[in-house]
Amino acid sequence: MMITTEARPMSKEMQDCIQACTDCYKMCVETMNYCMQAGGKCLERPAMGMLRDCAEMCQMCVNMMMCNSEFMGSICGLCAEICVRCAEACEAIDDPKLRECAAVCRRCAETCTQMSRSMTLTATQ
């Protein structure tokens, strides 16, 4: 993996994406803890696995953007996909906490999609 070490200002778009990923990571971890305490339907569905995967992917996405990795566009695209899947898993359970998590995941998916598109356009120019 190539890491660019040149210092350059971080775009507003990247700052927004990092914040959305950080918020999503925190919400997924918080929701996993909630589900472990609540038990029942939260643990019976694929939601727990998606919450874990989403949290891990969001953290990785932040790390890649922070070090300006050449792979951050691809990682942002994958992060968006996982966030959408996590939102869908959360929405399948009728619970206010999981609906809140789904909304945060969808916001993260939007910003990661924008970041991925931006990186793809930059790479082709």
N, C-alpha and C. Protein backbone atom coordinates (compact mmCIF):
# COMPACT_ATOMS: atom_id res chain seq x y z
N MET A 1 0.84 -1.17 0.00
CA MET A 1 0.00 0.00 0.00
C MET A 1 0.89 1.23 0.00
N MET A 2 0.53 2.16 -0.84
CA MET A 2 1.28 3.40 -0.92
C MET A 2 0.58 4.47 -0.10
N ILE A 3 1.30 5.09 0.80
CA ILE A 3 0.76 6.15 1.61
C ILE A 3 1.43 7.44 1.19
N THR A 4 0.62 8.42 0.86
CA THR A 4 1.15 9.72 0.47
C THR A 4 1.44 10.52 1.72
N THR A 5 2.65 11.03 1.83
CA THR A 5 3.02 11.76 3.03
C THR A 5 3.04 13.25 2.84
N GLU A 6 2.77 13.71 1.62
CA GLU A 6 2.78 15.15 1.38
C GLU A 6 1.64 15.81 2.14
N ALA A 7 1.93 16.92 2.76
CA ALA A 7 0.92 17.64 3.52
C ALA A 7 0.12 18.51 2.56
N ARG A 8 -1.17 18.34 2.58
CA ARG A 8 -2.03 19.19 1.78
C ARG A 8 -3.33 19.34 2.55
N PRO A 9 -3.98 20.47 2.34
CA PRO A 9 -5.21 20.71 3.09
C PRO A 9 -6.28 19.67 2.77
N MET A 10 -7.05 19.30 3.77
CA MET A 10 -8.12 18.33 3.60
C MET A 10 -9.35 19.07 3.09
N SER A 11 -9.97 18.54 2.05
CA SER A 11 -11.16 19.17 1.48
C SER A 11 -12.33 19.10 2.47
N LYS A 12 -13.28 19.99 2.29
CA LYS A 12 -14.50 20.00 3.10
C LYS A 12 -15.24 18.68 2.91
N GLU A 13 -15.25 18.18 1.69
CA GLU A 13 -15.91 16.91 1.38
C GLU A 13 -15.28 15.77 2.18
N MET A 14 -13.94 15.75 2.25
CA MET A 14 -13.27 14.70 3.01
C MET A 14 -13.53 14.86 4.51
N GLN A 15 -13.50 16.08 4.98
CA GLN A 15 -13.80 16.33 6.40
C GLN A 15 -15.20 15.84 6.75
N ASP A 16 -16.16 16.14 5.88
CA ASP A 16 -17.54 15.70 6.10
C ASP A 16 -17.64 14.17 6.10
N CYS A 17 -16.92 13.53 5.20
CA CYS A 17 -16.94 12.07 5.11
C CYS A 17 -16.30 11.45 6.35
N ILE A 18 -15.20 12.00 6.79
CA ILE A 18 -14.55 11.50 8.01
C ILE A 18 -15.49 11.64 9.20
N GLN A 19 -16.18 12.78 9.29
CA GLN A 19 -17.11 12.99 10.41
C GLN A 19 -18.28 12.01 10.33
N ALA A 20 -18.82 11.81 9.13
CA ALA A 20 -19.95 10.88 8.96
C ALA A 20 -19.53 9.45 9.31
N CYS A 21 -18.33 9.06 8.89
CA CYS A 21 -17.83 7.72 9.21
C CYS A 21 -17.59 7.55 10.71
N THR A 22 -17.06 8.59 11.33
CA THR A 22 -16.83 8.55 12.78
C THR A 22 -18.16 8.45 13.53
N ASP A 23 -19.13 9.24 13.11
CA ASP A 23 -20.45 9.19 13.73
C ASP A 23 -21.08 7.81 13.55
N CYS A 24 -20.95 7.25 12.36
CA CYS A 24 -21.53 5.94 12.07
C CYS A 24 -20.84 4.84 12.89
N TYR A 25 -19.52 4.91 12.98
CA TYR A 25 -18.78 3.95 13.81
C TYR A 25 -19.31 3.97 15.24
N LYS A 26 -19.39 5.18 15.80
CA LYS A 26 -19.86 5.32 17.19
C LYS A 26 -21.28 4.80 17.36
N MET A 27 -22.15 5.13 16.42
CA MET A 27 -23.55 4.70 16.51
C MET A 27 -23.67 3.19 16.39
N CYS A 28 -22.91 2.58 15.50
CA CYS A 28 -22.97 1.12 15.36
C CYS A 28 -22.48 0.42 16.63
N VAL A 29 -21.41 0.91 17.23
CA VAL A 29 -20.91 0.31 18.47
C VAL A 29 -21.94 0.50 19.59
N GLU A 30 -22.49 1.70 19.68
CA GLU A 30 -23.51 1.99 20.68
C GLU A 30 -24.73 1.08 20.48
N THR A 31 -25.12 0.88 19.24
CA THR A 31 -26.28 0.05 18.94
C THR A 31 -25.99 -1.42 19.22
N MET A 32 -24.77 -1.87 18.95
CA MET A 32 -24.41 -3.25 19.31
C MET A 32 -24.54 -3.45 20.82
N ASN A 33 -24.04 -2.49 21.59
CA ASN A 33 -24.15 -2.59 23.05
C ASN A 33 -25.61 -2.60 23.48
N TYR A 34 -26.41 -1.76 22.87
CA TYR A 34 -27.85 -1.72 23.15
C TYR A 34 -28.48 -3.08 22.86
N CYS A 35 -28.17 -3.65 21.70
CA CYS A 35 -28.74 -4.94 21.31
C CYS A 35 -28.31 -6.06 22.27
N MET A 36 -27.07 -6.01 22.71
CA MET A 36 -26.60 -7.05 23.64
C MET A 36 -27.36 -6.96 24.96
N GLN A 37 -27.70 -5.76 25.38
CA GLN A 37 -28.45 -5.60 26.62
C GLN A 37 -29.93 -5.92 26.41
N ALA A 38 -30.47 -5.53 25.27
CA ALA A 38 -31.89 -5.74 24.99
C ALA A 38 -32.19 -7.20 24.67
N GLY A 39 -31.23 -7.87 24.00
CA GLY A 39 -31.43 -9.27 23.64
C GLY A 39 -32.57 -9.43 22.65
N GLY A 40 -33.17 -10.59 22.67
CA GLY A 40 -34.33 -10.87 21.83
C GLY A 40 -34.10 -10.67 20.36
N LYS A 41 -35.01 -9.91 19.76
CA LYS A 41 -35.03 -9.76 18.30
C LYS A 41 -33.76 -9.10 17.75
N CYS A 42 -33.10 -8.27 18.55
CA CYS A 42 -31.86 -7.64 18.08
C CYS A 42 -30.77 -8.67 17.78
N LEU A 43 -30.76 -9.71 18.58
CA LEU A 43 -29.70 -10.72 18.43
C LEU A 43 -30.08 -11.84 17.47
N GLU A 44 -31.37 -11.96 17.14
CA GLU A 44 -31.84 -13.06 16.30
C GLU A 44 -31.62 -12.81 14.82
N ARG A 45 -31.44 -11.60 14.43
CA ARG A 45 -31.36 -11.25 13.01
C ARG A 45 -29.90 -10.96 12.63
N PRO A 46 -29.66 -10.76 11.36
CA PRO A 46 -28.28 -10.47 10.92
C PRO A 46 -27.80 -9.07 11.33
N ALA A 47 -28.61 -8.34 12.09
CA ALA A 47 -28.24 -6.98 12.45
C ALA A 47 -26.91 -6.89 13.18
N MET A 48 -26.66 -7.77 14.12
CA MET A 48 -25.41 -7.69 14.90
C MET A 48 -24.18 -7.82 14.00
N GLY A 49 -24.20 -8.74 13.07
CA GLY A 49 -23.07 -8.91 12.16
C GLY A 49 -22.88 -7.69 11.27
N MET A 50 -23.98 -7.14 10.80
CA MET A 50 -23.89 -5.95 9.95
C MET A 50 -23.40 -4.74 10.75
N LEU A 51 -23.86 -4.62 11.99
CA LEU A 51 -23.40 -3.52 12.85
C LEU A 51 -21.89 -3.61 13.05
N ARG A 52 -21.40 -4.81 13.31
CA ARG A 52 -19.96 -5.01 13.51
C ARG A 52 -19.20 -4.68 12.23
N ASP A 53 -19.65 -5.22 11.11
CA ASP A 53 -18.97 -4.98 9.83
C ASP A 53 -18.97 -3.49 9.48
N CYS A 54 -20.10 -2.84 9.71
CA CYS A 54 -20.23 -1.42 9.39
C CYS A 54 -19.28 -0.59 10.26
N ALA A 55 -19.25 -0.89 11.55
CA ALA A 55 -18.35 -0.15 12.45
C ALA A 55 -16.89 -0.31 12.01
N GLU A 56 -16.50 -1.53 11.72
CA GLU A 56 -15.12 -1.80 11.31
C GLU A 56 -14.78 -1.10 10.00
N MET A 57 -15.72 -1.14 9.05
CA MET A 57 -15.48 -0.52 7.75
C MET A 57 -15.39 0.99 7.87
N CYS A 58 -16.25 1.58 8.70
CA CYS A 58 -16.20 3.03 8.89
C CYS A 58 -14.86 3.45 9.50
N GLN A 59 -14.38 2.68 10.47
CA GLN A 59 -13.09 3.00 11.08
C GLN A 59 -11.96 2.89 10.05
N MET A 60 -12.01 1.85 9.24
CA MET A 60 -10.99 1.68 8.20
C MET A 60 -11.04 2.82 7.19
N CYS A 61 -12.24 3.23 6.84
CA CYS A 61 -12.41 4.32 5.88
C CYS A 61 -11.79 5.61 6.42
N VAL A 62 -12.04 5.91 7.69
CA VAL A 62 -11.43 7.09 8.32
C VAL A 62 -9.91 6.98 8.27
N ASN A 63 -9.40 5.83 8.63
CA ASN A 63 -7.94 5.64 8.64
C ASN A 63 -7.34 5.85 7.25
N MET A 64 -8.00 5.34 6.22
CA MET A 64 -7.49 5.48 4.85
C MET A 64 -7.51 6.94 4.40
N MET A 65 -8.57 7.65 4.76
CA MET A 65 -8.64 9.06 4.38
C MET A 65 -7.62 9.89 5.15
N MET A 66 -7.42 9.57 6.41
CA MET A 66 -6.48 10.34 7.22
C MET A 66 -5.05 10.22 6.71
N CYS A 67 -4.72 9.07 6.14
CA CYS A 67 -3.35 8.90 5.62
C CYS A 67 -3.29 9.13 4.12
N ASN A 68 -4.41 9.58 3.54
CA ASN A 68 -4.46 9.89 2.11
C ASN A 68 -4.06 8.69 1.25
N SER A 69 -4.57 7.53 1.61
CA SER A 69 -4.26 6.30 0.89
C SER A 69 -4.75 6.37 -0.55
N GLU A 70 -4.01 5.78 -1.44
CA GLU A 70 -4.43 5.72 -2.84
C GLU A 70 -5.69 4.87 -3.00
N PHE A 71 -6.05 4.09 -2.00
CA PHE A 71 -7.22 3.21 -2.07
C PHE A 71 -8.47 3.82 -1.43
N MET A 72 -8.38 5.05 -0.94
CA MET A 72 -9.51 5.60 -0.19
C MET A 72 -10.78 5.74 -1.03
N GLY A 73 -10.69 5.98 -2.31
CA GLY A 73 -11.89 6.05 -3.14
C GLY A 73 -12.62 4.72 -3.18
N SER A 74 -11.87 3.65 -3.36
CA SER A 74 -12.47 2.31 -3.38
C SER A 74 -13.03 1.94 -2.01
N ILE A 75 -12.29 2.28 -0.98
CA ILE A 75 -12.72 1.97 0.38
C ILE A 75 -14.00 2.74 0.71
N CYS A 76 -14.08 4.00 0.30
CA CYS A 76 -15.30 4.79 0.53
C CYS A 76 -16.50 4.16 -0.19
N GLY A 77 -16.29 3.66 -1.39
CA GLY A 77 -17.36 3.00 -2.12
C GLY A 77 -17.85 1.75 -1.40
N LEU A 78 -16.92 0.95 -0.91
CA LEU A 78 -17.29 -0.26 -0.17
C LEU A 78 -17.97 0.11 1.15
N CYS A 79 -17.48 1.14 1.80
CA CYS A 79 -18.07 1.60 3.05
C CYS A 79 -19.53 2.00 2.82
N ALA A 80 -19.78 2.71 1.74
CA ALA A 80 -21.15 3.12 1.41
C ALA A 80 -22.06 1.91 1.25
N GLU A 81 -21.56 0.90 0.56
CA GLU A 81 -22.35 -0.32 0.33
C GLU A 81 -22.67 -1.02 1.65
N ILE A 82 -21.69 -1.13 2.52
CA ILE A 82 -21.90 -1.79 3.81
C ILE A 82 -22.84 -0.97 4.69
N CYS A 83 -22.72 0.35 4.65
CA CYS A 83 -23.62 1.21 5.43
C CYS A 83 -25.07 1.03 5.00
N VAL A 84 -25.32 0.93 3.70
CA VAL A 84 -26.68 0.72 3.20
C VAL A 84 -27.21 -0.63 3.69
N ARG A 85 -26.39 -1.66 3.60
CA ARG A 85 -26.81 -3.00 4.06
C ARG A 85 -27.09 -3.00 5.56
N CYS A 86 -26.27 -2.28 6.32
CA CYS A 86 -26.49 -2.19 7.76
C CYS A 86 -27.80 -1.46 8.06
N ALA A 87 -28.04 -0.37 7.34
CA ALA A 87 -29.29 0.37 7.52
C ALA A 87 -30.49 -0.53 7.25
N GLU A 88 -30.41 -1.31 6.19
CA GLU A 88 -31.51 -2.22 5.85
C GLU A 88 -31.73 -3.25 6.96
N ALA A 89 -30.65 -3.79 7.50
CA ALA A 89 -30.76 -4.77 8.58
C ALA A 89 -31.37 -4.14 9.83
N CYS A 90 -30.99 -2.91 10.11
CA CYS A 90 -31.54 -2.22 11.28
C CYS A 90 -33.01 -1.88 11.09
N GLU A 91 -33.38 -1.47 9.88
CA GLU A 91 -34.77 -1.12 9.59
C GLU A 91 -35.70 -2.32 9.64
N ALA A 92 -35.15 -3.51 9.51
CA ALA A 92 -35.96 -4.73 9.55
C ALA A 92 -36.45 -5.04 10.96
N ILE A 93 -35.90 -4.36 11.95
CA ILE A 93 -36.28 -4.56 13.35
C ILE A 93 -37.01 -3.30 13.82
N ASP A 94 -38.20 -3.47 14.31
CA ASP A 94 -39.01 -2.33 14.75
C ASP A 94 -38.55 -1.88 16.13
N ASP A 95 -37.56 -0.99 16.13
CA ASP A 95 -37.00 -0.49 17.39
C ASP A 95 -36.47 0.92 17.14
N PRO A 96 -36.78 1.87 18.01
CA PRO A 96 -36.34 3.26 17.78
C PRO A 96 -34.82 3.41 17.72
N LYS A 97 -34.10 2.67 18.53
CA LYS A 97 -32.63 2.77 18.53
C LYS A 97 -32.07 2.28 17.20
N LEU A 98 -32.62 1.21 16.68
CA LEU A 98 -32.15 0.69 15.40
C LEU A 98 -32.55 1.59 14.23
N ARG A 99 -33.69 2.25 14.34
CA ARG A 99 -34.07 3.22 13.31
C ARG A 99 -33.12 4.41 13.32
N GLU A 100 -32.74 4.83 14.52
CA GLU A 100 -31.77 5.93 14.64
C GLU A 100 -30.43 5.53 14.01
N CYS A 101 -30.00 4.32 14.28
CA CYS A 101 -28.75 3.82 13.71
C CYS A 101 -28.86 3.75 12.19
N ALA A 102 -29.98 3.31 11.68
CA ALA A 102 -30.18 3.21 10.23
C ALA A 102 -30.04 4.58 9.58
N ALA A 103 -30.58 5.60 10.21
CA ALA A 103 -30.49 6.96 9.66
C ALA A 103 -29.04 7.44 9.60
N VAL A 104 -28.26 7.14 10.64
CA VAL A 104 -26.85 7.53 10.66
C VAL A 104 -26.08 6.75 9.60
N CYS A 105 -26.39 5.48 9.43
CA CYS A 105 -25.75 4.66 8.40
C CYS A 105 -26.05 5.21 7.00
N ARG A 106 -27.28 5.60 6.77
CA ARG A 106 -27.66 6.13 5.45
C ARG A 106 -26.94 7.46 5.17
N ARG A 107 -26.80 8.29 6.17
CA ARG A 107 -26.06 9.55 6.01
C ARG A 107 -24.60 9.25 5.66
N CYS A 108 -24.02 8.30 6.33
CA CYS A 108 -22.63 7.92 6.06
C CYS A 108 -22.52 7.37 4.64
N ALA A 109 -23.47 6.56 4.23
CA ALA A 109 -23.46 6.00 2.87
C ALA A 109 -23.48 7.11 1.82
N GLU A 110 -24.28 8.15 2.07
CA GLU A 110 -24.34 9.27 1.14
C GLU A 110 -22.99 9.98 1.01
N THR A 111 -22.38 10.28 2.14
CA THR A 111 -21.10 11.02 2.08
C THR A 111 -19.99 10.15 1.51
N CYS A 112 -20.01 8.86 1.83
CA CYS A 112 -18.99 7.96 1.27
C CYS A 112 -19.16 7.79 -0.24
N THR A 113 -20.39 7.74 -0.70
CA THR A 113 -20.65 7.65 -2.14
C THR A 113 -20.12 8.89 -2.84
N GLN A 114 -20.40 10.06 -2.27
CA GLN A 114 -19.90 11.31 -2.85
C GLN A 114 -18.37 11.33 -2.87
N MET A 115 -17.76 10.89 -1.78
CA MET A 115 -16.30 10.87 -1.69
C MET A 115 -15.71 9.90 -2.72
N SER A 116 -16.32 8.74 -2.85
CA SER A 116 -15.85 7.74 -3.80
C SER A 116 -15.93 8.28 -5.23
N ARG A 117 -17.05 8.90 -5.56
CA ARG A 117 -17.20 9.49 -6.91
C ARG A 117 -16.18 10.58 -7.15
N SER A 118 -15.97 11.41 -6.15
CA SER A 118 -14.99 12.49 -6.26
C SER A 118 -13.58 11.94 -6.50
N MET A 119 -13.24 10.89 -5.77
CA MET A 119 -11.91 10.28 -5.92
C MET A 119 -11.76 9.62 -7.28
N THR A 120 -12.83 9.03 -7.79
CA THR A 120 -12.79 8.38 -9.10
C THR A 120 -12.60 9.43 -10.18
N LEU A 121 -13.31 10.56 -10.06
CA LEU A 121 -13.15 11.63 -11.04
C LEU A 121 -11.76 12.22 -11.00
N THR A 122 -11.20 12.39 -9.82
CA THR A 122 -9.86 12.94 -9.66
C THR A 122 -8.82 12.00 -10.27
N ALA A 123 -9.01 10.70 -10.07
CA ALA A 123 -8.05 9.72 -10.57
C ALA A 123 -8.05 9.63 -12.09
N THR A 124 -9.19 9.91 -12.71
CA THR A 124 -9.27 9.81 -14.17
C THR A 124 -8.86 11.08 -14.89
N GLN A 125 -8.64 12.14 -14.15
CA GLN A 125 -8.26 13.41 -14.79
C GLN A 125 -6.76 13.53 -14.94
